[in-house]
Amino acid sequence: MAYVNFPNRYAEYYDESGLQELDRFFRVQYARYFNPDKKLKNMYAGINLEYHLRQLEEDNNNEVLDETGFKIAPIIGYEWHPWSKKENALNNLSLAF
């Protein structure tokens, strides 16, 4: 599960235009590994469900433009273990598509 907030992500653009942006999304991801006893044990497949909320507000204007929506996307990925020591923070790297 993730919550990501991008306040004024493109501030340099919006400073020129007089707009303020609030962009955020909530994401839930479910993934399941392939058979751990087989050759593709580090492969996984799953699904993402995301709710996106974006608001634009113009200077000296009370109107706020809202853009919201849901997105569902399948994922497939591979988990790579480049270092054998468990205490390494980068022990598990994942590539997902």
PDB file of N, CA and C in Angstrom:
ATOM      1  N   MET A   1       0.847  -1.156   0.000  1.00  0.00           N
ATOM      2  CA  MET A   1       0.000   0.000   0.000  1.00  0.00           C
ATOM      3  C   MET A   1       0.900   1.229   0.000  1.00  0.00           C
ATOM      4  N   ALA A   2       0.497   2.257  -0.740  1.00  0.00           N
ATOM      5  CA  ALA A   2       1.310   3.470  -0.818  1.00  0.00           C
ATOM      6  C   ALA A   2       0.423   4.695  -0.914  1.00  0.00           C
ATOM      7  N   TYR A   3       0.908   5.784  -0.350  1.00  0.00           N
ATOM      8  CA  TYR A   3       0.289   7.100  -0.510  1.00  0.00           C
ATOM      9  C   TYR A   3       1.408   8.039  -0.942  1.00  0.00           C
ATOM     10  N   VAL A   4       1.229   8.705  -2.065  1.00  0.00           N
ATOM     11  CA  VAL A   4       2.255   9.601  -2.593  1.00  0.00           C
ATOM     12  C   VAL A   4       1.637  10.972  -2.803  1.00  0.00           C
ATOM     13  N   ASN A   5       2.320  11.998  -2.335  1.00  0.00           N
ATOM     14  CA  ASN A   5       1.841  13.371  -2.423  1.00  0.00           C
ATOM     15  C   ASN A   5       2.886  14.203  -3.160  1.00  0.00           C
ATOM     16  N   PHE A   6       2.491  14.864  -4.251  1.00  0.00           N
ATOM     17  CA  PHE A   6       3.393  15.710  -5.028  1.00  0.00           C
ATOM     18  C   PHE A   6       2.901  17.160  -4.989  1.00  0.00           C
ATOM     19  N   PRO A   7       3.122  17.901  -3.914  1.00  0.00           N
ATOM     20  CA  PRO A   7       2.683  19.297  -3.924  1.00  0.00           C
ATOM     21  C   PRO A   7       3.595  20.127  -4.820  1.00  0.00           C
ATOM     22  N   ASN A   8       3.002  20.795  -5.790  1.00  0.00           N
ATOM     23  CA  ASN A   8       3.733  21.663  -6.720  1.00  0.00           C
ATOM     24  C   ASN A   8       4.924  20.947  -7.338  1.00  0.00           C
ATOM     25  N   ARG A   9       4.657  19.797  -7.925  1.00  0.00           N
ATOM     26  CA  ARG A   9       5.697  18.981  -8.551  1.00  0.00           C
ATOM     27  C   ARG A   9       6.399  19.738  -9.674  1.00  0.00           C
ATOM     28  N   TYR A  10       5.647  20.514 -10.443  1.00  0.00           N
ATOM     29  CA  TYR A  10       6.228  21.300 -11.538  1.00  0.00           C
ATOM     30  C   TYR A  10       6.214  22.779 -11.165  1.00  0.00           C
ATOM     31  N   ALA A  11       6.785  23.102 -10.013  1.00  0.00           N
ATOM     32  CA  ALA A  11       6.716  24.459  -9.465  1.00  0.00           C
ATOM     33  C   ALA A  11       7.277  25.504 -10.417  1.00  0.00           C
ATOM     34  N   GLU A  12       8.375  25.205 -11.121  1.00  0.00           N
ATOM     35  CA  GLU A  12       8.962  26.208 -12.018  1.00  0.00           C
ATOM     36  C   GLU A  12       7.983  26.580 -13.138  1.00  0.00           C
ATOM     37  N   TYR A  13       7.195  25.644 -13.624  1.00  0.00           N
ATOM     38  CA  TYR A  13       6.199  25.938 -14.650  1.00  0.00           C
ATOM     39  C   TYR A  13       5.019  26.697 -14.051  1.00  0.00           C
ATOM     40  N   TYR A  14       4.554  26.241 -12.904  1.00  0.00           N
ATOM     41  CA  TYR A  14       3.373  26.848 -12.312  1.00  0.00           C
ATOM     42  C   TYR A  14       3.655  28.232 -11.736  1.00  0.00           C
ATOM     43  N   ASP A  15       4.879  28.521 -11.352  1.00  0.00           N
ATOM     44  CA  ASP A  15       5.205  29.869 -10.888  1.00  0.00           C
ATOM     45  C   ASP A  15       4.994  30.895 -11.997  1.00  0.00           C
ATOM     46  N   GLU A  16       5.310  30.532 -13.231  1.00  0.00           N
ATOM     47  CA  GLU A  16       5.110  31.427 -14.367  1.00  0.00           C
ATOM     48  C   GLU A  16       3.636  31.577 -14.720  1.00  0.00           C
ATOM     49  N   SER A  17       2.856  30.519 -14.560  1.00  0.00           N
ATOM     50  CA  SER A  17       1.459  30.542 -14.978  1.00  0.00           C
ATOM     51  C   SER A  17       0.505  31.014 -13.891  1.00  0.00           C
ATOM     52  N   GLY A  18       0.948  31.042 -12.636  1.00  0.00           N
ATOM     53  CA  GLY A  18       0.065  31.448 -11.544  1.00  0.00           C
ATOM     54  C   GLY A  18      -0.817  30.335 -11.026  1.00  0.00           C
ATOM     55  N   LEU A  19      -0.522  29.090 -11.375  1.00  0.00           N
ATOM     56  CA  LEU A  19      -1.296  27.942 -10.900  1.00  0.00           C
ATOM     57  C   LEU A  19      -0.572  27.249  -9.758  1.00  0.00           C
ATOM     58  N   GLN A  20      -1.346  26.620  -8.890  1.00  0.00           N
ATOM     59  CA  GLN A  20      -0.798  25.754  -7.858  1.00  0.00           C
ATOM     60  C   GLN A  20      -1.378  24.362  -8.074  1.00  0.00           C
ATOM     61  N   GLU A  21      -0.534  23.353  -7.954  1.00  0.00           N
ATOM     62  CA  GLU A  21      -0.956  21.980  -8.203  1.00  0.00           C
ATOM     63  C   GLU A  21      -0.814  21.146  -6.935  1.00  0.00           C
ATOM     64  N   LEU A  22      -1.807  20.298  -6.691  1.00  0.00           N
ATOM     65  CA  LEU A  22      -1.735  19.283  -5.644  1.00  0.00           C
ATOM     66  C   LEU A  22      -2.027  17.956  -6.328  1.00  0.00           C
ATOM     67  N   ASP A  23      -1.046  17.103  -6.398  1.00  0.00           N
ATOM     68  CA  ASP A  23      -1.162  15.835  -7.112  1.00  0.00           C
ATOM     69  C   ASP A  23      -0.840  14.715  -6.127  1.00  0.00           C
ATOM     70  N   ARG A  24      -1.751  13.754  -5.974  1.00  0.00           N
ATOM     71  CA  ARG A  24      -1.508  12.649  -5.044  1.00  0.00           C
ATOM     72  C   ARG A  24      -2.241  11.411  -5.520  1.00  0.00           C
ATOM     73  N   PHE A  25      -1.758  10.262  -5.065  1.00  0.00           N
ATOM     74  CA  PHE A  25      -2.447   9.020  -5.387  1.00  0.00           C
ATOM     75  C   PHE A  25      -2.284   8.018  -4.250  1.00  0.00           C
ATOM     76  N   PHE A  26      -3.256   7.116  -4.180  1.00  0.00           N
ATOM     77  CA  PHE A  26      -3.263   6.011  -3.233  1.00  0.00           C
ATOM     78  C   PHE A  26      -3.168   4.735  -4.056  1.00  0.00           C
ATOM     79  N   ARG A  27      -2.280   3.838  -3.685  1.00  0.00           N
ATOM     80  CA  ARG A  27      -2.081   2.615  -4.465  1.00  0.00           C
ATOM     81  C   ARG A  27      -2.074   1.398  -3.562  1.00  0.00           C
ATOM     82  N   VAL A  28      -2.759   0.361  -4.007  1.00  0.00           N
ATOM     83  CA  VAL A  28      -2.737  -0.951  -3.374  1.00  0.00           C
ATOM     84  C   VAL A  28      -2.225  -1.931  -4.424  1.00  0.00           C
ATOM     85  N   GLN A  29      -1.263  -2.742  -4.033  1.00  0.00           N
ATOM     86  CA  GLN A  29      -0.675  -3.700  -4.965  1.00  0.00           C
ATOM     87  C   GLN A  29      -0.738  -5.092  -4.354  1.00  0.00           C
ATOM     88  N   TYR A  30      -1.155  -6.040  -5.162  1.00  0.00           N
ATOM     89  CA  TYR A  30      -1.155  -7.435  -4.742  1.00  0.00           C
ATOM     90  C   TYR A  30      -0.274  -8.203  -5.724  1.00  0.00           C
ATOM     91  N   ALA A  31       0.693  -8.936  -5.199  1.00  0.00           N
ATOM     92  CA  ALA A  31       1.593  -9.714  -6.058  1.00  0.00           C
ATOM     93  C   ALA A  31       1.778 -11.106  -5.472  1.00  0.00           C
ATOM     94  N   ARG A  32       1.958 -12.053  -6.359  1.00  0.00           N
ATOM     95  CA  ARG A  32       2.172 -13.445  -5.943  1.00  0.00           C
ATOM     96  C   ARG A  32       3.357 -13.999  -6.726  1.00  0.00           C
ATOM     97  N   TYR A  33       4.254 -14.642  -5.986  1.00  0.00           N
ATOM     98  CA  TYR A  33       5.435 -15.245  -6.608  1.00  0.00           C
ATOM     99  C   TYR A  33       5.066 -16.537  -7.320  1.00  0.00           C
ATOM    100  N   PHE A  34       5.819 -16.838  -8.360  1.00  0.00           N
ATOM    101  CA  PHE A  34       5.670 -18.120  -9.037  1.00  0.00           C
ATOM    102  C   PHE A  34       6.152 -19.208  -8.078  1.00  0.00           C
ATOM    103  N   ASN A  35       6.116 -20.423  -8.473  1.00  0.00           N
ATOM    104  CA  ASN A  35       6.507 -21.558  -7.638  1.00  0.00           C
ATOM    105  C   ASN A  35       7.951 -21.379  -7.137  1.00  0.00           C
ATOM    106  N   PRO A  36       8.165 -21.299  -5.821  1.00  0.00           N
ATOM    107  CA  PRO A  36       9.515 -21.046  -5.289  1.00  0.00           C
ATOM    108  C   PRO A  36      10.508 -22.188  -5.503  1.00  0.00           C
ATOM    109  N   ASP A  37      10.035 -23.359  -5.870  1.00  0.00           N
ATOM    110  CA  ASP A  37      10.933 -24.494  -6.084  1.00  0.00           C
ATOM    111  C   ASP A  37      11.398 -24.621  -7.533  1.00  0.00           C
ATOM    112  N   LYS A  38      10.897 -23.784  -8.390  1.00  0.00           N
ATOM    113  CA  LYS A  38      11.206 -23.884  -9.816  1.00  0.00           C
ATOM    114  C   LYS A  38      12.262 -22.862 -10.233  1.00  0.00           C
ATOM    115  N   LYS A  39      12.616 -22.894 -11.502  1.00  0.00           N
ATOM    116  CA  LYS A  39      13.647 -22.030 -12.048  1.00  0.00           C
ATOM    117  C   LYS A  39      13.269 -20.541 -11.978  1.00  0.00           C
ATOM    118  N   LEU A  40      12.009 -20.211 -12.133  1.00  0.00           N
ATOM    119  CA  LEU A  40      11.538 -18.819 -12.129  1.00  0.00           C
ATOM    120  C   LEU A  40      11.058 -18.374 -10.746  1.00  0.00           C
ATOM    121  N   LYS A  41      11.745 -18.825  -9.693  1.00  0.00           N
ATOM    122  CA  LYS A  41      11.265 -18.567  -8.326  1.00  0.00           C
ATOM    123  C   LYS A  41      11.242 -17.089  -7.956  1.00  0.00           C
ATOM    124  N   ASN A  42      12.022 -16.236  -8.604  1.00  0.00           N
ATOM    125  CA  ASN A  42      12.040 -14.811  -8.275  1.00  0.00           C
ATOM    126  C   ASN A  42      11.090 -13.990  -9.134  1.00  0.00           C
ATOM    127  N   MET A  43      10.322 -14.631 -10.002  1.00  0.00           N
ATOM    128  CA  MET A  43       9.337 -13.932 -10.823  1.00  0.00           C
ATOM    129  C   MET A  43       8.031 -13.804 -10.046  1.00  0.00           C
ATOM    130  N   TYR A  44       7.351 -12.683 -10.243  1.00  0.00           N
ATOM    131  CA  TYR A  44       6.045 -12.505  -9.609  1.00  0.00           C
ATOM    132  C   TYR A  44       5.092 -11.814 -10.568  1.00  0.00           C
ATOM    133  N   ALA A  45       3.807 -11.970 -10.308  1.00  0.00           N
ATOM    134  CA  ALA A  45       2.761 -11.338 -11.092  1.00  0.00           C
ATOM    135  C   ALA A  45       1.728 -10.795 -10.120  1.00  0.00           C
ATOM    136  N   GLY A  46       1.029  -9.760 -10.536  1.00  0.00           N
ATOM    137  CA  GLY A  46       0.040  -9.173  -9.647  1.00  0.00           C
ATOM    138  C   GLY A  46      -0.769  -8.098 -10.327  1.00  0.00           C
ATOM    139  N   ILE A  47      -1.372  -7.243  -9.501  1.00  0.00           N
ATOM    140  CA  ILE A  47      -2.239  -6.187  -9.991  1.00  0.00           C
ATOM    141  C   ILE A  47      -2.087  -4.950  -9.106  1.00  0.00           C
ATOM    142  N   ASN A  48      -2.161  -3.781  -9.721  1.00  0.00           N
ATOM    143  CA  ASN A  48      -2.171  -2.495  -9.007  1.00  0.00           C
ATOM    144  C   ASN A  48      -3.546  -1.880  -9.121  1.00  0.00           C
ATOM    145  N   LEU A  49      -4.044  -1.328  -8.041  1.00  0.00           N
ATOM    146  CA  LEU A  49      -5.262  -0.534  -8.034  1.00  0.00           C
ATOM    147  C   LEU A  49      -4.879   0.828  -7.490  1.00  0.00           C
ATOM    148  N   GLU A  50      -5.156   1.875  -8.262  1.00  0.00           N
ATOM    149  CA  GLU A  50      -4.697   3.217  -7.896  1.00  0.00           C
ATOM    150  C   GLU A  50      -5.833   4.218  -8.014  1.00  0.00           C
ATOM    151  N   TYR A  51      -5.943   5.093  -7.021  1.00  0.00           N
ATOM    152  CA  TYR A  51      -6.885   6.213  -7.061  1.00  0.00           C
ATOM    153  C   TYR A  51      -6.062   7.489  -7.157  1.00  0.00           C
ATOM    154  N   HIS A  52      -6.293   8.265  -8.202  1.00  0.00           N
ATOM    155  CA  HIS A  52      -5.499   9.464  -8.478  1.00  0.00           C
ATOM    156  C   HIS A  52      -6.354  10.703  -8.253  1.00  0.00           C
ATOM    157  N   LEU A  53      -5.802  11.695  -7.551  1.00  0.00           N
ATOM    158  CA  LEU A  53      -6.489  12.962  -7.292  1.00  0.00           C
ATOM    159  C   LEU A  53      -5.540  14.100  -7.625  1.00  0.00           C
ATOM    160  N   ARG A  54      -5.973  14.963  -8.515  1.00  0.00           N
ATOM    161  CA  ARG A  54      -5.162  16.118  -8.909  1.00  0.00           C
ATOM    162  C   ARG A  54      -6.022  17.361  -8.827  1.00  0.00           C
ATOM    163  N   GLN A  55      -5.479  18.421  -8.220  1.00  0.00           N
ATOM    164  CA  GLN A  55      -6.187  19.687  -8.102  1.00  0.00           C
ATOM    165  C   GLN A  55      -5.305  20.812  -8.621  1.00  0.00           C
ATOM    166  N   LEU A  56      -5.905  21.689  -9.407  1.00  0.00           N
ATOM    167  CA  LEU A  56      -5.226  22.885  -9.898  1.00  0.00           C
ATOM    168  C   LEU A  56      -5.986  24.102  -9.401  1.00  0.00           C
ATOM    169  N   GLU A  57      -5.258  25.059  -8.858  1.00  0.00           N
ATOM    170  CA  GLU A  57      -5.868  26.279  -8.333  1.00  0.00           C
ATOM    171  C   GLU A  57      -5.120  27.471  -8.921  1.00  0.00           C
ATOM    172  N   GLU A  58      -5.869  28.431  -9.444  1.00  0.00           N
ATOM    173  CA  GLU A  58      -5.274  29.615 -10.050  1.00  0.00           C
ATOM    174  C   GLU A  58      -5.241  30.750  -9.034  1.00  0.00           C
ATOM    175  N   ASP A  59      -4.177  31.559  -9.077  1.00  0.00           N
ATOM    176  CA  ASP A  59      -4.084  32.724  -8.201  1.00  0.00           C
ATOM    177  C   ASP A  59      -5.274  33.652  -8.429  1.00  0.00           C
ATOM    178  N   ASN A  60      -5.781  34.231  -7.352  1.00  0.00           N
ATOM    179  CA  ASN A  60      -6.884  35.202  -7.394  1.00  0.00           C
ATOM    180  C   ASN A  60      -8.144  34.628  -8.024  1.00  0.00           C
ATOM    181  N   ASN A  61      -8.360  33.338  -7.900  1.00  0.00           N
ATOM    182  CA  ASN A  61      -9.561  32.696  -8.429  1.00  0.00           C
ATOM    183  C   ASN A  61      -9.985  31.622  -7.432  1.00  0.00           C
ATOM    184  N   ASN A  62     -11.249  31.627  -7.050  1.00  0.00           N
ATOM    185  CA  ASN A  62     -11.736  30.668  -6.057  1.00  0.00           C
ATOM    186  C   ASN A  62     -12.036  29.296  -6.653  1.00  0.00           C
ATOM    187  N   GLU A  63     -12.019  29.168  -7.971  1.00  0.00           N
ATOM    188  CA  GLU A  63     -12.348  27.906  -8.621  1.00  0.00           C
ATOM    189  C   GLU A  63     -11.161  26.936  -8.561  1.00  0.00           C
ATOM    190  N   VAL A  64     -11.445  25.710  -8.198  1.00  0.00           N
ATOM    191  CA  VAL A  64     -10.436  24.655  -8.150  1.00  0.00           C
ATOM    192  C   VAL A  64     -10.833  23.582  -9.155  1.00  0.00           C
ATOM    193  N   LEU A  65      -9.917  23.233 -10.029  1.00  0.00           N
ATOM    194  CA  LEU A  65     -10.156  22.172 -11.006  1.00  0.00           C
ATOM    195  C   LEU A  65      -9.742  20.838 -10.397  1.00  0.00           C
ATOM    196  N   ASP A  66     -10.664  19.898 -10.363  1.00  0.00           N
ATOM    197  CA  ASP A  66     -10.401  18.569  -9.809  1.00  0.00           C
ATOM    198  C   ASP A  66     -10.376  17.543 -10.924  1.00  0.00           C
ATOM    199  N   GLU A  67      -9.394  16.664 -10.873  1.00  0.00           N
ATOM    200  CA  GLU A  67      -9.312  15.533 -11.791  1.00  0.00           C
ATOM    201  C   GLU A  67      -9.075  14.293 -10.939  1.00  0.00           C
ATOM    202  N   THR A  68     -10.007  13.362 -10.989  1.00  0.00           N
ATOM    203  CA  THR A  68      -9.881  12.144 -10.197  1.00  0.00           C
ATOM    204  C   THR A  68     -10.147  10.934 -11.086  1.00  0.00           C
ATOM    205  N   GLY A  69      -9.673   9.800 -10.645  1.00  0.00           N
ATOM    206  CA  GLY A  69      -9.940   8.589 -11.397  1.00  0.00           C
ATOM    207  C   GLY A  69      -9.264   7.373 -10.807  1.00  0.00           C
ATOM    208  N   PHE A  70      -9.757   6.204 -11.212  1.00  0.00           N
ATOM    209  CA  PHE A  70      -9.188   4.918 -10.808  1.00  0.00           C
ATOM    210  C   PHE A  70      -8.392   4.332 -11.963  1.00  0.00           C
ATOM    211  N   LYS A  71      -7.369   3.578 -11.631  1.00  0.00           N
ATOM    212  CA  LYS A  71      -6.575   2.884 -12.631  1.00  0.00           C
ATOM    213  C   LYS A  71      -6.290   1.482 -12.111  1.00  0.00           C
ATOM    214  N   ILE A  72      -6.492   0.498 -12.954  1.00  0.00           N
ATOM    215  CA  ILE A  72      -6.158  -0.892 -12.646  1.00  0.00           C
ATOM    216  C   ILE A  72      -5.129  -1.347 -13.673  1.00  0.00           C
ATOM    217  N   ALA A  73      -4.037  -1.921 -13.201  1.00  0.00           N
ATOM    218  CA  ALA A  73      -2.974  -2.336 -14.124  1.00  0.00           C
ATOM    219  C   ALA A  73      -2.371  -3.667 -13.673  1.00  0.00           C
ATOM    220  N   PRO A  74      -2.178  -4.589 -14.603  1.00  0.00           N
ATOM    221  CA  PRO A  74      -1.466  -5.822 -14.267  1.00  0.00           C
ATOM    222  C   PRO A  74       0.033  -5.547 -14.184  1.00  0.00           C
ATOM    223  N   ILE A  75       0.732  -6.295 -13.352  1.00  0.00           N
ATOM    224  CA  ILE A  75       2.185  -6.152 -13.246  1.00  0.00           C
ATOM    225  C   ILE A  75       2.834  -7.523 -13.334  1.00  0.00           C
ATOM    226  N   ILE A  76       4.040  -7.536 -13.815  1.00  0.00           N
ATOM    227  CA  ILE A  76       4.875  -8.728 -13.791  1.00  0.00           C
ATOM    228  C   ILE A  76       6.277  -8.244 -13.448  1.00  0.00           C
ATOM    229  N   GLY A  77       6.984  -8.982 -12.633  1.00  0.00           N
ATOM    230  CA  GLY A  77       8.280  -8.493 -12.192  1.00  0.00           C
ATOM    231  C   GLY A  77       9.250  -9.603 -11.833  1.00  0.00           C
ATOM    232  N   TYR A  78      10.449  -9.171 -11.530  1.00  0.00           N
ATOM    233  CA  TYR A  78      11.534 -10.077 -11.149  1.00  0.00           C
ATOM    234  C   TYR A  78      12.274  -9.464  -9.965  1.00  0.00           C
ATOM    235  N   GLU A  79      12.488 -10.252  -8.939  1.00  0.00           N
ATOM    236  CA  GLU A  79      13.233  -9.801  -7.766  1.00  0.00           C
ATOM    237  C   GLU A  79      14.660 -10.323  -7.867  1.00  0.00           C
ATOM    238  N   TRP A  80      15.610  -9.405  -7.814  1.00  0.00           N
ATOM    239  CA  TRP A  80      17.023  -9.723  -7.991  1.00  0.00           C
ATOM    240  C   TRP A  80      17.737  -9.598  -6.655  1.00  0.00           C
ATOM    241  N   HIS A  81      18.570 -10.556  -6.302  1.00  0.00           N
ATOM    242  CA  HIS A  81      19.331 -10.561  -5.054  1.00  0.00           C
ATOM    243  C   HIS A  81      20.824 -10.449  -5.375  1.00  0.00           C
ATOM    244  N   PRO A  82      21.350  -9.223  -5.570  1.00  0.00           N
ATOM    245  CA  PRO A  82      22.748  -9.079  -5.980  1.00  0.00           C
ATOM    246  C   PRO A  82      23.757  -9.313  -4.861  1.00  0.00           C
ATOM    247  N   TRP A  83      23.354  -9.128  -3.593  1.00  0.00           N
ATOM    248  CA  TRP A  83      24.282  -9.322  -2.475  1.00  0.00           C
ATOM    249  C   TRP A  83      23.758 -10.420  -1.575  1.00  0.00           C
ATOM    250  N   SER A  84      24.649 -11.236  -1.087  1.00  0.00           N
ATOM    251  CA  SER A  84      24.218 -12.378  -0.282  1.00  0.00           C
ATOM    252  C   SER A  84      23.996 -12.022   1.190  1.00  0.00           C
ATOM    253  N   LYS A  85      24.586 -10.936   1.678  1.00  0.00           N
ATOM    254  CA  LYS A  85      24.432 -10.565   3.085  1.00  0.00           C
ATOM    255  C   LYS A  85      23.041  -9.981   3.332  1.00  0.00           C
ATOM    256  N   LYS A  86      22.366 -10.485   4.344  1.00  0.00           N
ATOM    257  CA  LYS A  86      20.998 -10.059   4.644  1.00  0.00           C
ATOM    258  C   LYS A  86      20.918  -8.636   5.186  1.00  0.00           C
ATOM    259  N   GLU A  87      21.987  -8.134   5.798  1.00  0.00           N
ATOM    260  CA  GLU A  87      21.927  -6.796   6.396  1.00  0.00           C
ATOM    261  C   GLU A  87      22.095  -5.683   5.368  1.00  0.00           C
ATOM    262  N   ASN A  88      22.374  -6.011   4.122  1.00  0.00           N
ATOM    263  CA  ASN A  88      22.516  -4.994   3.081  1.00  0.00           C
ATOM    264  C   ASN A  88      21.135  -4.444   2.729  1.00  0.00           C
ATOM    265  N   ALA A  89      20.993  -3.132   2.756  1.00  0.00           N
ATOM    266  CA  ALA A  89      19.702  -2.505   2.484  1.00  0.00           C
ATOM    267  C   ALA A  89      19.243  -2.730   1.049  1.00  0.00           C
ATOM    268  N   LEU A  90      20.162  -2.952   0.133  1.00  0.00           N
ATOM    269  CA  LEU A  90      19.818  -3.175  -1.260  1.00  0.00           C
ATOM    270  C   LEU A  90      19.782  -4.651  -1.628  1.00  0.00           C
ATOM    271  N   ASN A  91      19.537  -5.503  -0.658  1.00  0.00           N
ATOM    272  CA  ASN A  91      19.547  -6.931  -0.907  1.00  0.00           C
ATOM    273  C   ASN A  91      18.511  -7.374  -1.921  1.00  0.00           C
ATOM    274  N   ASN A  92      17.323  -6.806  -1.857  1.00  0.00           N
ATOM    275  CA  ASN A  92      16.246  -7.184  -2.778  1.00  0.00           C
ATOM    276  C   ASN A  92      15.931  -6.001  -3.692  1.00  0.00           C
ATOM    277  N   LEU A  93      16.282  -6.105  -4.948  1.00  0.00           N
ATOM    278  CA  LEU A  93      15.913  -5.108  -5.948  1.00  0.00           C
ATOM    279  C   LEU A  93      14.857  -5.721  -6.851  1.00  0.00           C
ATOM    280  N   SER A  94      13.812  -4.969  -7.151  1.00  0.00           N
ATOM    281  CA  SER A  94      12.741  -5.489  -7.991  1.00  0.00           C
ATOM    282  C   SER A  94      12.601  -4.675  -9.256  1.00  0.00           C
ATOM    283  N   LEU A  95      12.354  -5.355 -10.346  1.00  0.00           N
ATOM    284  CA  LEU A  95      12.024  -4.730 -11.614  1.00  0.00           C
ATOM    285  C   LEU A  95      10.586  -5.149 -11.929  1.00  0.00           C
ATOM    286  N   ALA A  96       9.708  -4.184 -12.136  1.00  0.00           N
ATOM    287  CA  ALA A  96       8.312  -4.490 -12.424  1.00  0.00           C
ATOM    288  C   ALA A  96       7.885  -3.799 -13.713  1.00  0.00           C
ATOM    289  N   PHE A  97       7.061  -4.464 -14.473  1.00  0.00           N
ATOM    290  CA  PHE A  97       6.528  -3.920 -15.724  1.00  0.00           C
ATOM    291  C   PHE A  97       5.028  -3.941 -15.701  1.00  0.00           C
TER     292      PHE A  97
END
